[in-house]
Amino acid sequence: MKAKKLLLALCAFMIMGGNAAMAQEKAMPEEFNAENIFKLGNPNVAYQQYFIGQSYLNMLTTERVPVANVTFEPGCRNNWHIHHKGGQILLVTAGRGYYQEWGKPAQELKPGDVVNIAPEVKHWHGAAPDSWFAHIAIEVPAEGASNEWLEPVTDEEYGKLK
């Protein structure tokens, strides 16, 4: 019954001219939407080639230290990647997700968790298969800092998660 009501509401919204990002927000569980204090943002088109699934980006600031709220639909994750020189800090704000460093087991993430990612560490992060997920991503400033995007996390690797 809930699914039928949600589908009807979503269809009505789309007929009335809602955009895709707002339609997704309507499909998002109410509890997650309330937890996600920095809100959904826009579809992450600038980096979509480095993600499996749909992510959303809400830049909170680009001055001095880039800070963004990144929201992942269930099953969405980014590719393996490395932050050269500066590293990254993740502040988990909503939902359930994972962080994994190359050669180590994945760590489950929940609201309140903080992940300090040292420079030069190959890693990925994203939503659990059955949960929306959001974190604040802080790029640690450093002279000559850059990101290197690598191969996707395979469905086989990801499928081992709970």
N, C-alpha and C. Protein backbone atom coordinates (compact mmCIF):
# COMPACT_ATOMS: atom_id res chain seq x y z
N MET A 1 0.83 -1.19 0.00
CA MET A 1 0.00 0.00 0.00
C MET A 1 0.87 1.26 0.00
N LYS A 2 1.92 1.27 0.85
CA LYS A 2 2.81 2.42 0.89
C LYS A 2 3.45 2.65 -0.47
N ALA A 3 3.90 1.56 -1.10
CA ALA A 3 4.55 1.67 -2.40
C ALA A 3 3.59 2.24 -3.43
N LYS A 4 2.33 1.82 -3.39
CA LYS A 4 1.33 2.31 -4.35
C LYS A 4 1.09 3.81 -4.15
N LYS A 5 0.97 4.25 -2.89
CA LYS A 5 0.77 5.67 -2.61
C LYS A 5 1.98 6.49 -3.06
N LEU A 6 3.17 5.96 -2.79
CA LEU A 6 4.40 6.64 -3.19
C LEU A 6 4.48 6.77 -4.70
N LEU A 7 4.15 5.70 -5.41
CA LEU A 7 4.18 5.72 -6.86
C LEU A 7 3.18 6.73 -7.41
N LEU A 8 1.98 6.77 -6.86
CA LEU A 8 0.97 7.74 -7.31
C LEU A 8 1.43 9.17 -7.05
N ALA A 9 2.00 9.41 -5.88
CA ALA A 9 2.49 10.76 -5.55
C ALA A 9 3.62 11.16 -6.49
N LEU A 10 4.51 10.24 -6.76
CA LEU A 10 5.63 10.51 -7.65
C LEU A 10 5.14 10.82 -9.06
N CYS A 11 4.21 10.03 -9.56
CA CYS A 11 3.65 10.27 -10.90
C CYS A 11 2.98 11.64 -10.97
N ALA A 12 2.18 11.97 -9.97
CA ALA A 12 1.51 13.28 -9.94
C ALA A 12 2.53 14.41 -9.93
N PHE A 13 3.57 14.23 -9.15
CA PHE A 13 4.62 15.25 -9.06
C PHE A 13 5.29 15.46 -10.42
N MET A 14 5.62 14.35 -11.10
CA MET A 14 6.28 14.45 -12.39
C MET A 14 5.36 15.09 -13.43
N ILE A 15 4.08 14.78 -13.41
CA ILE A 15 3.12 15.37 -14.33
C ILE A 15 3.02 16.88 -14.11
N MET A 16 3.16 17.30 -12.85
CA MET A 16 3.06 18.72 -12.54
C MET A 16 4.36 19.47 -12.83
N GLY A 17 5.37 18.77 -13.39
CA GLY A 17 6.57 19.47 -13.84
C GLY A 17 7.73 19.42 -12.88
N GLY A 18 7.77 18.51 -11.93
CA GLY A 18 8.91 18.39 -11.03
C GLY A 18 10.13 17.90 -11.77
N ASN A 19 11.32 18.27 -11.29
CA ASN A 19 12.53 17.79 -11.95
C ASN A 19 12.98 16.47 -11.34
N ALA A 20 13.94 15.81 -11.98
CA ALA A 20 14.37 14.47 -11.57
C ALA A 20 14.94 14.46 -10.16
N ALA A 21 15.73 15.46 -9.80
CA ALA A 21 16.33 15.47 -8.46
C ALA A 21 15.25 15.59 -7.40
N MET A 22 14.26 16.44 -7.63
CA MET A 22 13.19 16.59 -6.65
C MET A 22 12.34 15.33 -6.58
N ALA A 23 12.16 14.67 -7.71
CA ALA A 23 11.39 13.42 -7.72
C ALA A 23 12.11 12.37 -6.90
N GLN A 24 13.44 12.29 -7.02
CA GLN A 24 14.21 11.34 -6.24
C GLN A 24 14.06 11.66 -4.76
N GLU A 25 14.11 12.95 -4.42
CA GLU A 25 13.98 13.34 -3.03
C GLU A 25 12.64 12.87 -2.47
N LYS A 26 11.58 12.93 -3.28
CA LYS A 26 10.26 12.47 -2.84
C LYS A 26 10.28 10.96 -2.58
N ALA A 27 11.07 10.20 -3.36
CA ALA A 27 11.14 8.76 -3.19
C ALA A 27 12.03 8.35 -2.02
N MET A 28 12.79 9.27 -1.52
CA MET A 28 13.69 9.00 -0.41
C MET A 28 12.89 8.76 0.88
N PRO A 29 13.29 7.80 1.69
CA PRO A 29 12.58 7.58 2.95
C PRO A 29 12.54 8.84 3.81
N GLU A 30 11.40 9.10 4.42
CA GLU A 30 11.21 10.30 5.24
C GLU A 30 12.26 10.43 6.34
N GLU A 31 12.55 9.31 7.01
CA GLU A 31 13.52 9.33 8.10
C GLU A 31 14.90 9.76 7.61
N PHE A 32 15.32 9.23 6.45
CA PHE A 32 16.62 9.62 5.90
C PHE A 32 16.62 11.10 5.53
N ASN A 33 15.57 11.56 4.90
CA ASN A 33 15.48 12.96 4.48
C ASN A 33 15.58 13.89 5.69
N ALA A 34 14.99 13.50 6.82
CA ALA A 34 15.06 14.30 8.05
C ALA A 34 16.48 14.29 8.61
N GLU A 35 17.15 13.15 8.54
CA GLU A 35 18.53 13.04 9.04
C GLU A 35 19.50 13.84 8.19
N ASN A 36 19.26 13.88 6.89
CA ASN A 36 20.20 14.48 5.94
C ASN A 36 20.09 16.00 6.01
N ILE A 37 20.68 16.58 7.05
CA ILE A 37 20.48 17.99 7.38
C ILE A 37 20.97 18.96 6.30
N PHE A 38 21.92 18.55 5.47
CA PHE A 38 22.41 19.44 4.42
C PHE A 38 21.69 19.23 3.09
N LYS A 39 20.72 18.34 3.07
CA LYS A 39 19.81 18.09 1.95
C LYS A 39 20.51 17.51 0.72
N LEU A 40 19.69 17.08 -0.20
CA LEU A 40 20.10 16.26 -1.32
C LEU A 40 21.09 16.92 -2.27
N GLY A 41 20.87 18.13 -2.65
CA GLY A 41 21.70 18.76 -3.68
C GLY A 41 21.23 18.34 -5.06
N ASN A 42 22.09 18.49 -6.03
CA ASN A 42 21.77 18.19 -7.42
C ASN A 42 22.43 16.90 -7.86
N PRO A 43 21.88 16.26 -8.90
CA PRO A 43 22.56 15.07 -9.42
C PRO A 43 24.04 15.40 -9.69
N ASN A 44 24.89 14.49 -9.31
CA ASN A 44 26.34 14.70 -9.38
C ASN A 44 26.86 14.40 -10.79
N VAL A 45 26.48 15.25 -11.74
CA VAL A 45 26.84 15.00 -13.14
C VAL A 45 28.33 15.23 -13.40
N ALA A 46 28.96 16.13 -12.67
CA ALA A 46 30.37 16.42 -12.90
C ALA A 46 31.27 15.21 -12.64
N TYR A 47 30.85 14.34 -11.72
CA TYR A 47 31.67 13.18 -11.35
C TYR A 47 30.97 11.85 -11.63
N GLN A 48 29.86 11.87 -12.36
CA GLN A 48 29.07 10.65 -12.54
C GLN A 48 29.86 9.51 -13.16
N GLN A 49 30.90 9.82 -13.95
CA GLN A 49 31.68 8.75 -14.57
C GLN A 49 32.52 7.99 -13.54
N TYR A 50 32.63 8.51 -12.32
CA TYR A 50 33.41 7.86 -11.26
C TYR A 50 32.53 7.17 -10.22
N PHE A 51 31.24 7.02 -10.52
CA PHE A 51 30.28 6.41 -9.60
C PHE A 51 29.51 5.30 -10.29
N ILE A 52 29.17 4.29 -9.52
CA ILE A 52 28.20 3.28 -9.95
C ILE A 52 26.92 3.65 -9.20
N GLY A 53 25.86 3.95 -9.93
CA GLY A 53 24.62 4.41 -9.30
C GLY A 53 24.56 5.92 -9.25
N GLN A 54 23.49 6.43 -8.67
CA GLN A 54 23.24 7.88 -8.64
C GLN A 54 23.70 8.50 -7.33
N SER A 55 24.49 9.56 -7.45
CA SER A 55 24.88 10.35 -6.28
C SER A 55 24.45 11.79 -6.51
N TYR A 56 24.41 12.54 -5.43
CA TYR A 56 23.99 13.95 -5.46
C TYR A 56 25.03 14.77 -4.72
N LEU A 57 25.26 15.98 -5.21
CA LEU A 57 26.30 16.84 -4.64
C LEU A 57 25.70 18.17 -4.22
N ASN A 58 25.96 18.55 -2.99
CA ASN A 58 25.55 19.84 -2.46
C ASN A 58 26.81 20.51 -1.92
N MET A 59 27.42 21.39 -2.72
CA MET A 59 28.64 22.08 -2.27
C MET A 59 28.26 23.06 -1.16
N LEU A 60 28.86 22.87 0.00
CA LEU A 60 28.57 23.74 1.14
C LEU A 60 29.46 24.97 1.13
N THR A 61 30.70 24.79 0.68
CA THR A 61 31.61 25.92 0.48
C THR A 61 32.72 25.49 -0.47
N THR A 62 33.19 26.45 -1.24
CA THR A 62 34.35 26.22 -2.11
C THR A 62 35.48 27.17 -1.74
N GLU A 63 35.26 27.96 -0.71
CA GLU A 63 36.29 28.91 -0.27
C GLU A 63 37.29 28.24 0.65
N ARG A 64 38.56 28.39 0.39
CA ARG A 64 39.69 27.87 1.16
C ARG A 64 39.68 26.35 1.29
N VAL A 65 38.68 25.78 1.92
CA VAL A 65 38.59 24.33 2.10
C VAL A 65 37.29 23.84 1.46
N PRO A 66 37.37 23.11 0.35
CA PRO A 66 36.14 22.61 -0.28
C PRO A 66 35.42 21.61 0.64
N VAL A 67 34.13 21.87 0.87
CA VAL A 67 33.31 21.01 1.73
C VAL A 67 32.00 20.74 0.98
N ALA A 68 31.65 19.46 0.89
CA ALA A 68 30.43 19.08 0.16
C ALA A 68 29.64 18.04 0.93
N ASN A 69 28.32 18.09 0.78
CA ASN A 69 27.46 17.01 1.23
C ASN A 69 27.25 16.11 0.02
N VAL A 70 27.62 14.84 0.16
CA VAL A 70 27.44 13.88 -0.92
C VAL A 70 26.41 12.86 -0.45
N THR A 71 25.36 12.68 -1.25
CA THR A 71 24.30 11.73 -0.94
C THR A 71 24.31 10.63 -1.99
N PHE A 72 24.21 9.40 -1.53
CA PHE A 72 24.24 8.22 -2.39
C PHE A 72 22.91 7.48 -2.30
N GLU A 73 22.33 7.12 -3.44
CA GLU A 73 21.17 6.24 -3.44
C GLU A 73 21.63 4.85 -3.00
N PRO A 74 20.71 4.00 -2.53
CA PRO A 74 21.11 2.63 -2.16
C PRO A 74 21.89 1.96 -3.29
N GLY A 75 22.99 1.33 -2.92
CA GLY A 75 23.83 0.62 -3.89
C GLY A 75 24.84 1.50 -4.61
N CYS A 76 24.75 2.80 -4.48
CA CYS A 76 25.68 3.71 -5.16
C CYS A 76 27.02 3.75 -4.42
N ARG A 77 28.08 3.74 -5.18
CA ARG A 77 29.43 3.88 -4.59
C ARG A 77 30.33 4.53 -5.61
N ASN A 78 31.41 5.14 -5.10
CA ASN A 78 32.36 5.73 -6.03
C ASN A 78 33.44 4.71 -6.37
N ASN A 79 34.20 5.01 -7.41
CA ASN A 79 35.31 4.16 -7.82
C ASN A 79 36.41 4.21 -6.77
N TRP A 80 37.30 3.24 -6.84
CA TRP A 80 38.53 3.34 -6.07
C TRP A 80 39.20 4.65 -6.48
N HIS A 81 39.78 5.34 -5.53
CA HIS A 81 40.47 6.59 -5.84
C HIS A 81 41.51 6.92 -4.78
N ILE A 82 42.37 7.86 -5.12
CA ILE A 82 43.45 8.28 -4.22
C ILE A 82 43.45 9.81 -4.17
N HIS A 83 43.56 10.35 -2.97
CA HIS A 83 43.74 11.79 -2.78
C HIS A 83 45.24 12.01 -2.56
N HIS A 84 45.87 12.60 -3.56
CA HIS A 84 47.31 12.84 -3.46
C HIS A 84 47.59 14.10 -2.66
N LYS A 85 48.53 14.02 -1.80
CA LYS A 85 49.06 15.10 -0.96
C LYS A 85 48.16 15.51 0.20
N GLY A 86 46.88 15.82 -0.06
CA GLY A 86 46.05 16.39 1.00
C GLY A 86 45.20 15.42 1.81
N GLY A 87 44.70 14.38 1.21
CA GLY A 87 43.80 13.47 1.91
C GLY A 87 42.38 13.99 1.95
N GLN A 88 41.55 13.33 2.75
CA GLN A 88 40.13 13.66 2.83
C GLN A 88 39.58 13.27 4.20
N ILE A 89 38.56 13.98 4.63
CA ILE A 89 37.86 13.64 5.87
C ILE A 89 36.38 13.47 5.52
N LEU A 90 35.79 12.37 5.99
CA LEU A 90 34.36 12.11 5.80
C LEU A 90 33.66 12.19 7.14
N LEU A 91 32.57 12.94 7.20
CA LEU A 91 31.73 13.03 8.39
C LEU A 91 30.37 12.45 8.01
N VAL A 92 30.05 11.28 8.52
CA VAL A 92 28.82 10.61 8.14
C VAL A 92 27.64 11.27 8.84
N THR A 93 26.64 11.66 8.05
CA THR A 93 25.49 12.40 8.59
C THR A 93 24.17 11.65 8.53
N ALA A 94 24.04 10.69 7.62
CA ALA A 94 22.74 10.02 7.49
C ALA A 94 22.89 8.68 6.78
N GLY A 95 22.00 7.75 7.09
CA GLY A 95 21.96 6.47 6.41
C GLY A 95 23.05 5.50 6.85
N ARG A 96 23.29 4.53 5.98
CA ARG A 96 24.29 3.50 6.25
C ARG A 96 25.12 3.29 5.01
N GLY A 97 26.44 3.21 5.18
CA GLY A 97 27.33 3.03 4.04
C GLY A 97 28.58 2.28 4.42
N TYR A 98 29.55 2.36 3.52
CA TYR A 98 30.82 1.65 3.71
C TYR A 98 31.99 2.51 3.26
N TYR A 99 33.14 2.24 3.88
CA TYR A 99 34.43 2.79 3.49
C TYR A 99 35.39 1.62 3.44
N GLN A 100 36.22 1.56 2.40
CA GLN A 100 37.19 0.49 2.33
C GLN A 100 38.50 0.99 1.76
N GLU A 101 39.59 0.61 2.42
CA GLU A 101 40.93 0.85 1.90
C GLU A 101 41.40 -0.39 1.17
N TRP A 102 42.20 -0.20 0.16
CA TRP A 102 42.72 -1.30 -0.65
C TRP A 102 43.42 -2.32 0.25
N GLY A 103 43.04 -3.59 0.10
CA GLY A 103 43.68 -4.67 0.85
C GLY A 103 43.15 -4.87 2.26
N LYS A 104 42.15 -4.09 2.65
CA LYS A 104 41.57 -4.20 3.99
C LYS A 104 40.07 -4.47 3.87
N PRO A 105 39.46 -5.02 4.94
CA PRO A 105 38.00 -5.23 4.89
C PRO A 105 37.25 -3.91 4.93
N ALA A 106 36.06 -3.91 4.33
CA ALA A 106 35.21 -2.71 4.36
C ALA A 106 34.74 -2.44 5.78
N GLN A 107 34.59 -1.15 6.11
CA GLN A 107 34.07 -0.73 7.41
C GLN A 107 32.66 -0.18 7.21
N GLU A 108 31.72 -0.65 8.01
CA GLU A 108 30.37 -0.10 7.95
C GLU A 108 30.37 1.29 8.57
N LEU A 109 29.64 2.22 7.95
CA LEU A 109 29.56 3.59 8.45
C LEU A 109 28.12 3.93 8.80
N LYS A 110 27.96 4.71 9.88
CA LYS A 110 26.64 5.16 10.32
C LYS A 110 26.78 6.61 10.80
N PRO A 111 25.66 7.34 10.97
CA PRO A 111 25.75 8.74 11.38
C PRO A 111 26.61 8.93 12.63
N GLY A 112 27.46 9.94 12.56
CA GLY A 112 28.38 10.24 13.66
C GLY A 112 29.78 9.70 13.44
N ASP A 113 29.95 8.77 12.49
CA ASP A 113 31.29 8.23 12.21
C ASP A 113 32.13 9.27 11.47
N VAL A 114 33.42 9.25 11.76
CA VAL A 114 34.38 10.13 11.10
C VAL A 114 35.47 9.25 10.50
N VAL A 115 35.79 9.50 9.24
CA VAL A 115 36.85 8.76 8.56
C VAL A 115 37.92 9.75 8.14
N ASN A 116 39.12 9.56 8.67
CA ASN A 116 40.27 10.38 8.27
C ASN A 116 41.07 9.57 7.25
N ILE A 117 41.09 10.04 6.02
CA ILE A 117 41.75 9.33 4.93
C ILE A 117 43.08 10.03 4.66
N ALA A 118 44.14 9.31 4.95
CA ALA A 118 45.48 9.87 4.75
C ALA A 118 45.77 10.03 3.26
N PRO A 119 46.66 10.94 2.91
CA PRO A 119 47.05 11.07 1.51
C PRO A 119 47.63 9.74 1.00
N GLU A 120 47.44 9.50 -0.29
CA GLU A 120 48.02 8.35 -1.00
C GLU A 120 47.37 7.01 -0.66
N VAL A 121 46.22 6.99 0.02
CA VAL A 121 45.53 5.74 0.36
C VAL A 121 44.44 5.46 -0.68
N LYS A 122 44.56 4.32 -1.35
CA LYS A 122 43.55 3.91 -2.33
C LYS A 122 42.33 3.42 -1.56
N HIS A 123 41.15 3.96 -1.90
CA HIS A 123 39.94 3.66 -1.14
C HIS A 123 38.69 3.94 -1.97
N TRP A 124 37.54 3.54 -1.42
CA TRP A 124 36.23 3.90 -1.98
C TRP A 124 35.27 4.08 -0.81
N HIS A 125 34.12 4.72 -1.08
CA HIS A 125 33.05 4.86 -0.09
C HIS A 125 31.73 4.97 -0.83
N GLY A 126 30.66 4.56 -0.14
CA GLY A 126 29.34 4.62 -0.75
C GLY A 126 28.27 4.01 0.13
N ALA A 127 27.07 3.94 -0.41
CA ALA A 127 25.90 3.47 0.33
C ALA A 127 25.90 1.95 0.46
N ALA A 128 25.22 1.48 1.50
CA ALA A 128 24.93 0.06 1.63
C ALA A 128 23.91 -0.30 0.54
N PRO A 129 23.81 -1.58 0.19
CA PRO A 129 22.87 -1.96 -0.87
C PRO A 129 21.42 -1.60 -0.57
N ASP A 130 21.06 -1.52 0.71
CA ASP A 130 19.65 -1.31 1.09
C ASP A 130 19.40 0.02 1.81
N SER A 131 20.33 0.97 1.69
CA SER A 131 20.17 2.22 2.44
C SER A 131 20.70 3.43 1.66
N TRP A 132 19.98 4.54 1.77
CA TRP A 132 20.54 5.82 1.35
C TRP A 132 21.69 6.12 2.29
N PHE A 133 22.60 7.01 1.87
CA PHE A 133 23.79 7.32 2.66
C PHE A 133 24.24 8.73 2.33
N ALA A 134 24.65 9.48 3.35
CA ALA A 134 25.18 10.83 3.12
C ALA A 134 26.36 11.08 4.03
N HIS A 135 27.33 11.80 3.48
CA HIS A 135 28.46 12.24 4.29
C HIS A 135 28.92 13.62 3.83
N ILE A 136 29.54 14.32 4.74
CA ILE A 136 30.23 15.56 4.41
C ILE A 136 31.64 15.16 3.98
N ALA A 137 32.07 15.62 2.83
CA ALA A 137 33.41 15.35 2.33
C ALA A 137 34.23 16.63 2.44
N ILE A 138 35.34 16.54 3.15
CA ILE A 138 36.24 17.69 3.32
C ILE A 138 37.56 17.35 2.64
N GLU A 139 37.92 18.15 1.67
CA GLU A 139 39.20 17.98 1.00
C GLU A 139 40.27 18.69 1.82
N VAL A 140 41.26 17.95 2.29
CA VAL A 140 42.32 18.53 3.10
C VAL A 140 43.25 19.30 2.16
N PRO A 141 43.39 20.62 2.39
CA PRO A 141 44.21 21.40 1.47
C PRO A 141 45.70 21.08 1.60
N ALA A 142 46.36 21.04 0.46
CA ALA A 142 47.81 20.84 0.42
C ALA A 142 48.30 21.34 -0.94
N GLU A 143 49.49 21.84 -0.96
CA GLU A 143 50.05 22.31 -2.21
C GLU A 143 50.21 21.13 -3.17
N GLY A 144 49.68 21.27 -4.37
CA GLY A 144 49.77 20.22 -5.37
C GLY A 144 48.80 19.07 -5.16
N ALA A 145 47.79 19.26 -4.31
CA ALA A 145 46.82 18.19 -4.05
C ALA A 145 46.02 17.88 -5.32
N SER A 146 45.70 16.60 -5.49
CA SER A 146 44.88 16.17 -6.63
C SER A 146 44.21 14.84 -6.29
N ASN A 147 43.21 14.50 -7.09
CA ASN A 147 42.52 13.21 -6.95
C ASN A 147 42.84 12.37 -8.17
N GLU A 148 43.06 11.10 -7.94
CA GLU A 148 43.26 10.15 -9.04
C GLU A 148 42.13 9.13 -8.97
N TRP A 149 41.28 9.13 -10.00
CA TRP A 149 40.16 8.21 -10.05
C TRP A 149 40.61 6.94 -10.75
N LEU A 150 40.27 5.80 -10.15
CA LEU A 150 40.74 4.50 -10.63
C LEU A 150 39.56 3.62 -11.05
N GLU A 151 39.74 2.31 -10.99
CA GLU A 151 38.74 1.36 -11.47
C GLU A 151 37.51 1.33 -10.56
N PRO A 152 36.36 0.94 -11.12
CA PRO A 152 35.15 0.79 -10.29
C PRO A 152 35.31 -0.33 -9.27
N VAL A 153 34.55 -0.23 -8.19
CA VAL A 153 34.40 -1.33 -7.25
C VAL A 153 33.51 -2.34 -7.96
N THR A 154 33.98 -3.56 -8.13
CA THR A 154 33.21 -4.53 -8.91
C THR A 154 31.95 -4.96 -8.16
N ASP A 155 30.98 -5.44 -8.91
CA ASP A 155 29.76 -5.96 -8.30
C ASP A 155 30.08 -7.14 -7.39
N GLU A 156 31.09 -7.92 -7.76
CA GLU A 156 31.50 -9.06 -6.94
C GLU A 156 32.04 -8.59 -5.59
N GLU A 157 32.93 -7.58 -5.60
CA GLU A 157 33.46 -7.02 -4.34
C GLU A 157 32.35 -6.44 -3.49
N TYR A 158 31.51 -5.64 -4.14
CA TYR A 158 30.44 -4.96 -3.44
C TYR A 158 29.39 -5.95 -2.92
N GLY A 159 29.14 -7.00 -3.68
CA GLY A 159 28.15 -8.01 -3.31
C GLY A 159 28.49 -8.76 -2.03
N LYS A 160 29.74 -8.71 -1.59
CA LYS A 160 30.16 -9.38 -0.36
C LYS A 160 29.74 -8.62 0.89
N LEU A 161 29.32 -7.35 0.71
CA LEU A 161 28.92 -6.52 1.86
C LEU A 161 27.51 -6.89 2.31
N LYS A 162 27.21 -6.57 3.55
CA LYS A 162 25.88 -6.89 4.11
C LYS A 162 24.92 -5.74 3.89
